[in-house]
N, C-alpha and C. Protein backbone atom coordinates (compact mmCIF):
# COMPACT_ATOMS: atom_id res chain seq x y z
N MET A 1 -19.05 -10.42 2.64
CA MET A 1 -18.84 -10.57 1.21
C MET A 1 -20.19 -10.83 0.57
N PRO A 2 -20.51 -10.12 -0.53
CA PRO A 2 -21.79 -10.39 -1.15
C PRO A 2 -21.80 -11.81 -1.70
N ASP A 3 -22.94 -12.37 -1.72
CA ASP A 3 -23.06 -13.74 -2.21
C ASP A 3 -23.37 -13.71 -3.70
N PRO A 4 -22.33 -13.91 -4.56
CA PRO A 4 -22.57 -13.86 -6.00
C PRO A 4 -23.38 -15.04 -6.50
N THR A 5 -23.68 -16.00 -5.62
CA THR A 5 -24.49 -17.13 -6.05
C THR A 5 -25.97 -16.88 -5.79
N THR A 6 -26.32 -15.69 -5.29
CA THR A 6 -27.73 -15.35 -5.11
C THR A 6 -28.43 -15.55 -6.44
N PRO A 7 -29.56 -16.23 -6.45
CA PRO A 7 -30.22 -16.52 -7.73
C PRO A 7 -30.55 -15.26 -8.52
N ALA A 8 -30.47 -15.38 -9.83
CA ALA A 8 -30.82 -14.27 -10.71
C ALA A 8 -32.31 -13.97 -10.56
N PRO A 9 -32.69 -12.71 -10.70
CA PRO A 9 -34.11 -12.36 -10.55
C PRO A 9 -34.94 -12.86 -11.73
N ARG A 10 -36.22 -12.95 -11.48
CA ARG A 10 -37.14 -13.26 -12.58
C ARG A 10 -37.26 -12.05 -13.48
N ALA A 11 -37.70 -12.26 -14.69
CA ALA A 11 -37.84 -11.17 -15.65
C ALA A 11 -38.67 -10.04 -15.04
N GLY A 12 -38.16 -8.82 -15.18
CA GLY A 12 -38.86 -7.64 -14.69
C GLY A 12 -38.57 -7.30 -13.24
N GLU A 13 -37.96 -8.21 -12.49
CA GLU A 13 -37.63 -7.94 -11.09
C GLU A 13 -36.19 -7.43 -11.01
N PRO A 14 -35.93 -6.45 -10.13
CA PRO A 14 -34.54 -6.01 -9.96
C PRO A 14 -33.74 -7.10 -9.24
N ALA A 15 -32.47 -7.22 -9.59
CA ALA A 15 -31.60 -8.19 -8.93
C ALA A 15 -31.41 -7.79 -7.47
N ARG A 16 -31.35 -8.76 -6.58
CA ARG A 16 -31.10 -8.51 -5.16
C ARG A 16 -29.85 -9.29 -4.77
N ILE A 17 -29.05 -8.71 -3.90
CA ILE A 17 -27.77 -9.29 -3.54
C ILE A 17 -27.68 -9.38 -2.02
N THR A 18 -27.26 -10.54 -1.54
CA THR A 18 -27.07 -10.74 -0.11
C THR A 18 -25.71 -10.19 0.28
N CYS A 19 -25.69 -9.35 1.32
CA CYS A 19 -24.45 -8.73 1.78
C CYS A 19 -24.54 -8.58 3.29
N SER A 20 -23.49 -7.97 3.88
CA SER A 20 -23.56 -7.77 5.33
C SER A 20 -22.90 -6.45 5.72
N CYS A 21 -23.50 -5.82 6.71
CA CYS A 21 -22.97 -4.61 7.33
C CYS A 21 -22.27 -5.06 8.61
N PRO A 22 -21.08 -4.54 8.90
CA PRO A 22 -20.39 -4.96 10.13
C PRO A 22 -21.14 -4.58 11.41
N VAL A 23 -22.06 -3.63 11.32
CA VAL A 23 -22.84 -3.20 12.49
C VAL A 23 -24.17 -3.93 12.56
N CYS A 24 -24.86 -4.03 11.41
CA CYS A 24 -26.24 -4.53 11.39
C CYS A 24 -26.38 -5.99 10.98
N GLY A 25 -25.36 -6.57 10.37
CA GLY A 25 -25.43 -7.96 9.97
C GLY A 25 -25.90 -8.16 8.54
N ALA A 26 -26.36 -9.38 8.26
CA ALA A 26 -26.74 -9.78 6.90
C ALA A 26 -28.03 -9.12 6.45
N MET A 27 -28.09 -8.84 5.16
CA MET A 27 -29.27 -8.24 4.54
C MET A 27 -29.24 -8.50 3.05
N THR A 28 -30.34 -8.25 2.39
CA THR A 28 -30.42 -8.38 0.94
C THR A 28 -30.83 -7.02 0.37
N LEU A 29 -30.03 -6.52 -0.58
CA LEU A 29 -30.27 -5.20 -1.16
C LEU A 29 -30.37 -5.30 -2.67
N PRO A 30 -31.07 -4.35 -3.30
CA PRO A 30 -31.12 -4.33 -4.76
C PRO A 30 -29.76 -3.98 -5.34
N ALA A 31 -29.49 -4.47 -6.55
CA ALA A 31 -28.20 -4.26 -7.20
C ALA A 31 -27.85 -2.79 -7.34
N ASP A 32 -28.85 -1.93 -7.51
CA ASP A 32 -28.55 -0.51 -7.68
C ASP A 32 -28.14 0.18 -6.38
N SER A 33 -28.07 -0.58 -5.27
CA SER A 33 -27.58 -0.04 -4.01
C SER A 33 -26.05 -0.10 -3.92
N PHE A 34 -25.44 -0.81 -4.85
CA PHE A 34 -24.00 -1.06 -4.79
C PHE A 34 -23.24 -0.22 -5.82
N ASP A 35 -22.00 0.09 -5.49
CA ASP A 35 -21.03 0.64 -6.43
C ASP A 35 -19.85 -0.30 -6.42
N LEU A 36 -19.35 -0.64 -7.60
CA LEU A 36 -18.22 -1.54 -7.75
C LEU A 36 -17.12 -0.78 -8.46
N VAL A 37 -15.94 -0.72 -7.85
CA VAL A 37 -14.80 -0.03 -8.44
C VAL A 37 -13.73 -1.08 -8.73
N VAL A 38 -13.34 -1.18 -10.01
CA VAL A 38 -12.41 -2.23 -10.44
C VAL A 38 -11.09 -1.61 -10.86
N CYS A 39 -10.01 -2.19 -10.37
CA CYS A 39 -8.66 -1.78 -10.76
C CYS A 39 -8.10 -2.86 -11.68
N ALA A 40 -7.98 -2.54 -12.96
CA ALA A 40 -7.53 -3.53 -13.94
C ALA A 40 -6.08 -3.95 -13.73
N SER A 41 -5.24 -3.03 -13.25
CA SER A 41 -3.82 -3.35 -13.10
C SER A 41 -3.48 -4.04 -11.77
N ASP A 42 -4.38 -3.98 -10.80
CA ASP A 42 -4.12 -4.59 -9.50
C ASP A 42 -5.46 -5.01 -8.88
N ALA A 43 -5.83 -6.26 -9.08
CA ALA A 43 -7.14 -6.76 -8.63
C ALA A 43 -7.34 -6.59 -7.13
N ALA A 44 -6.26 -6.55 -6.36
CA ALA A 44 -6.38 -6.40 -4.91
C ALA A 44 -6.92 -5.03 -4.51
N ARG A 45 -6.91 -4.07 -5.43
CA ARG A 45 -7.42 -2.73 -5.14
C ARG A 45 -8.90 -2.55 -5.53
N SER A 46 -9.50 -3.58 -6.10
CA SER A 46 -10.92 -3.50 -6.46
C SER A 46 -11.76 -3.58 -5.19
N PHE A 47 -12.87 -2.83 -5.18
CA PHE A 47 -13.73 -2.85 -3.99
C PHE A 47 -15.18 -2.57 -4.40
N TYR A 48 -16.09 -2.88 -3.49
CA TYR A 48 -17.50 -2.52 -3.67
C TYR A 48 -17.94 -1.80 -2.40
N GLN A 49 -19.00 -1.03 -2.54
CA GLN A 49 -19.52 -0.33 -1.38
C GLN A 49 -21.03 -0.15 -1.51
N PHE A 50 -21.66 0.02 -0.35
CA PHE A 50 -23.08 0.31 -0.29
C PHE A 50 -23.35 1.04 1.01
N THR A 51 -24.45 1.74 1.06
CA THR A 51 -24.87 2.41 2.29
C THR A 51 -25.89 1.51 2.97
N CYS A 52 -25.62 1.19 4.21
CA CYS A 52 -26.53 0.32 4.97
C CYS A 52 -27.84 1.07 5.21
N PRO A 53 -28.97 0.47 4.83
CA PRO A 53 -30.25 1.15 5.03
C PRO A 53 -30.69 1.23 6.50
N LYS A 54 -30.07 0.42 7.35
CA LYS A 54 -30.45 0.42 8.77
C LYS A 54 -29.68 1.47 9.57
N CYS A 55 -28.34 1.50 9.41
CA CYS A 55 -27.53 2.42 10.23
C CYS A 55 -26.97 3.59 9.43
N SER A 56 -27.20 3.61 8.12
CA SER A 56 -26.72 4.66 7.21
C SER A 56 -25.20 4.70 7.08
N GLY A 57 -24.52 3.67 7.54
CA GLY A 57 -23.07 3.61 7.42
C GLY A 57 -22.65 3.20 6.02
N LEU A 58 -21.54 3.77 5.55
CA LEU A 58 -20.98 3.39 4.26
C LEU A 58 -20.13 2.16 4.48
N VAL A 59 -20.48 1.05 3.83
CA VAL A 59 -19.75 -0.21 3.96
C VAL A 59 -18.91 -0.39 2.70
N THR A 60 -17.60 -0.52 2.89
CA THR A 60 -16.68 -0.71 1.78
C THR A 60 -15.88 -1.97 2.03
N LYS A 61 -15.85 -2.85 1.02
CA LYS A 61 -15.13 -4.12 1.17
C LYS A 61 -14.36 -4.43 -0.11
N GLN A 62 -13.27 -5.17 0.05
CA GLN A 62 -12.47 -5.59 -1.09
C GLN A 62 -13.29 -6.53 -1.96
N ALA A 63 -13.10 -6.45 -3.27
CA ALA A 63 -13.84 -7.30 -4.21
C ALA A 63 -12.87 -8.22 -4.96
N SER A 64 -12.96 -9.50 -4.67
CA SER A 64 -12.15 -10.48 -5.39
C SER A 64 -12.67 -10.58 -6.83
N GLU A 65 -11.93 -11.27 -7.67
CA GLU A 65 -12.39 -11.43 -9.06
C GLU A 65 -13.74 -12.13 -9.11
N ARG A 66 -13.96 -13.08 -8.22
CA ARG A 66 -15.25 -13.80 -8.17
C ARG A 66 -16.39 -12.84 -7.82
N VAL A 67 -16.14 -11.95 -6.85
CA VAL A 67 -17.15 -10.98 -6.44
C VAL A 67 -17.40 -9.97 -7.56
N VAL A 68 -16.34 -9.51 -8.21
CA VAL A 68 -16.48 -8.58 -9.34
C VAL A 68 -17.36 -9.21 -10.42
N THR A 69 -17.09 -10.46 -10.76
CA THR A 69 -17.87 -11.16 -11.78
C THR A 69 -19.33 -11.30 -11.37
N GLY A 70 -19.56 -11.70 -10.11
CA GLY A 70 -20.93 -11.89 -9.63
C GLY A 70 -21.72 -10.61 -9.57
N LEU A 71 -21.11 -9.54 -9.05
CA LEU A 71 -21.82 -8.27 -8.93
C LEU A 71 -22.11 -7.66 -10.30
N SER A 72 -21.12 -7.67 -11.18
CA SER A 72 -21.35 -7.07 -12.50
C SER A 72 -22.38 -7.87 -13.29
N ALA A 73 -22.43 -9.19 -13.11
CA ALA A 73 -23.43 -10.02 -13.80
C ALA A 73 -24.85 -9.71 -13.33
N ARG A 74 -24.97 -9.18 -12.12
CA ARG A 74 -26.29 -8.85 -11.58
C ARG A 74 -26.65 -7.38 -11.75
N GLY A 75 -25.85 -6.66 -12.55
CA GLY A 75 -26.22 -5.30 -12.91
C GLY A 75 -25.69 -4.21 -12.00
N VAL A 76 -24.72 -4.52 -11.15
CA VAL A 76 -24.14 -3.49 -10.29
C VAL A 76 -23.30 -2.55 -11.16
N ARG A 77 -23.42 -1.24 -10.90
CA ARG A 77 -22.63 -0.24 -11.61
C ARG A 77 -21.15 -0.55 -11.43
N VAL A 78 -20.39 -0.46 -12.52
CA VAL A 78 -18.95 -0.72 -12.47
C VAL A 78 -18.21 0.55 -12.88
N ALA A 79 -17.26 0.96 -12.08
CA ALA A 79 -16.40 2.10 -12.40
C ALA A 79 -14.96 1.63 -12.35
N SER A 80 -14.09 2.30 -13.08
CA SER A 80 -12.67 1.98 -13.06
C SER A 80 -11.96 2.86 -12.05
N LEU A 81 -10.99 2.27 -11.36
CA LEU A 81 -10.18 3.04 -10.42
C LEU A 81 -9.32 4.01 -11.22
N PRO A 82 -9.37 5.31 -10.92
CA PRO A 82 -8.56 6.27 -11.68
C PRO A 82 -7.07 5.97 -11.52
N LEU A 83 -6.31 6.15 -12.58
CA LEU A 83 -4.87 5.89 -12.53
C LEU A 83 -4.17 6.76 -11.49
N GLU A 84 -4.71 7.95 -11.21
CA GLU A 84 -4.11 8.83 -10.21
C GLU A 84 -4.07 8.15 -8.83
N ALA A 85 -4.99 7.26 -8.59
CA ALA A 85 -5.02 6.58 -7.30
C ALA A 85 -3.82 5.65 -7.12
N LEU A 86 -3.19 5.27 -8.22
CA LEU A 86 -2.05 4.36 -8.16
C LEU A 86 -0.71 5.08 -8.14
N GLU A 87 -0.73 6.40 -8.33
CA GLU A 87 0.51 7.17 -8.34
C GLU A 87 1.10 7.27 -6.94
N ASP A 88 2.46 7.37 -6.89
CA ASP A 88 3.11 7.64 -5.61
C ASP A 88 2.88 9.10 -5.26
N HIS A 89 2.57 9.35 -4.02
CA HIS A 89 2.34 10.72 -3.56
C HIS A 89 3.36 11.05 -2.48
N ALA A 90 4.11 12.13 -2.70
CA ALA A 90 5.11 12.57 -1.73
C ALA A 90 4.68 13.92 -1.17
N GLY A 91 5.21 14.27 -0.04
CA GLY A 91 4.90 15.57 0.55
C GLY A 91 3.87 15.45 1.64
N PRO A 92 3.58 16.57 2.26
CA PRO A 92 2.63 16.54 3.38
C PRO A 92 1.20 16.28 2.89
N VAL A 93 0.40 15.75 3.78
CA VAL A 93 -1.01 15.47 3.49
C VAL A 93 -1.76 16.79 3.40
N LEU A 94 -2.66 16.89 2.44
CA LEU A 94 -3.50 18.07 2.28
C LEU A 94 -4.51 18.10 3.43
N THR A 95 -4.60 19.21 4.13
CA THR A 95 -5.50 19.32 5.29
C THR A 95 -6.71 20.18 4.94
N MET A 96 -7.67 20.20 5.83
CA MET A 96 -8.85 21.05 5.67
C MET A 96 -8.43 22.51 5.65
N ASP A 97 -7.47 22.88 6.48
CA ASP A 97 -6.98 24.26 6.50
C ASP A 97 -6.38 24.65 5.15
N ASP A 98 -5.65 23.71 4.52
CA ASP A 98 -5.09 23.98 3.20
C ASP A 98 -6.20 24.27 2.19
N LEU A 99 -7.26 23.47 2.25
CA LEU A 99 -8.38 23.66 1.32
C LEU A 99 -9.09 24.99 1.57
N LEU A 100 -9.26 25.34 2.83
CA LEU A 100 -9.89 26.63 3.16
C LEU A 100 -9.03 27.80 2.68
N ASP A 101 -7.70 27.71 2.89
CA ASP A 101 -6.80 28.75 2.41
C ASP A 101 -6.88 28.89 0.89
N LEU A 102 -6.93 27.77 0.19
CA LEU A 102 -7.04 27.78 -1.27
C LEU A 102 -8.36 28.42 -1.70
N SER A 103 -9.44 28.05 -1.04
CA SER A 103 -10.75 28.61 -1.37
C SER A 103 -10.76 30.13 -1.19
N ILE A 104 -10.18 30.60 -0.12
CA ILE A 104 -10.12 32.05 0.14
C ILE A 104 -9.27 32.74 -0.92
N ALA A 105 -8.12 32.13 -1.24
CA ALA A 105 -7.23 32.74 -2.25
C ALA A 105 -7.91 32.79 -3.61
N LEU A 106 -8.65 31.74 -3.97
CA LEU A 106 -9.32 31.72 -5.28
C LEU A 106 -10.49 32.68 -5.36
N SER A 107 -11.03 33.07 -4.22
CA SER A 107 -12.15 34.01 -4.23
C SER A 107 -11.68 35.45 -4.42
N ASN A 108 -10.37 35.67 -4.38
CA ASN A 108 -9.80 37.00 -4.57
C ASN A 108 -9.21 37.09 -5.98
N PRO A 109 -9.89 37.78 -6.91
CA PRO A 109 -9.42 37.84 -8.31
C PRO A 109 -8.02 38.43 -8.44
N ASP A 110 -7.66 39.39 -7.58
CA ASP A 110 -6.33 39.99 -7.64
C ASP A 110 -5.25 38.96 -7.30
N ALA A 111 -5.52 38.11 -6.31
CA ALA A 111 -4.55 37.09 -5.91
C ALA A 111 -4.37 36.07 -7.03
N VAL A 112 -5.46 35.70 -7.68
CA VAL A 112 -5.39 34.74 -8.80
C VAL A 112 -4.59 35.35 -9.95
N ALA A 113 -4.87 36.59 -10.29
CA ALA A 113 -4.14 37.28 -11.38
C ALA A 113 -2.65 37.38 -11.05
N ALA A 114 -2.32 37.70 -9.80
CA ALA A 114 -0.92 37.81 -9.38
C ALA A 114 -0.22 36.46 -9.50
N PHE A 115 -0.91 35.40 -9.10
CA PHE A 115 -0.33 34.06 -9.19
C PHE A 115 -0.10 33.66 -10.64
N LEU A 116 -1.08 33.93 -11.49
CA LEU A 116 -0.96 33.57 -12.90
C LEU A 116 0.15 34.36 -13.59
N SER A 117 0.31 35.62 -13.25
CA SER A 117 1.37 36.41 -13.88
C SER A 117 2.74 35.99 -13.39
N ALA A 118 2.84 35.55 -12.13
CA ALA A 118 4.12 35.09 -11.58
C ALA A 118 4.50 33.74 -12.17
N ALA A 119 3.52 32.94 -12.52
CA ALA A 119 3.77 31.60 -13.05
C ALA A 119 4.22 31.62 -14.49
N SER A 120 3.97 32.73 -15.21
CA SER A 120 4.33 32.76 -16.64
C SER A 120 5.63 33.44 -16.90
């Protein structure tokens, strides 16, 4: 968990935040190394992430309200969780093969025209 009590930087210095990578351990990174995603309707879905400079792993952790407040106060970028992420999703999971099939179909103008005419 990042330490939101890390002292504020002096004027002109970038904020630094103490955090930890599950592989490499504790470290201190500049605030612009973090992304903070906040879910206004469900605080338990808020999270922050950073790329570990030692192992290049993407570290993603849940962000409590205290962590959200501390990170945003130190200048970490804040994004909102898209509402689509909260929707119920039914049906089979989209696979890589599905995406490749779609890409091939979209590259054929005749197939796209046929689909559009059938849909109207």
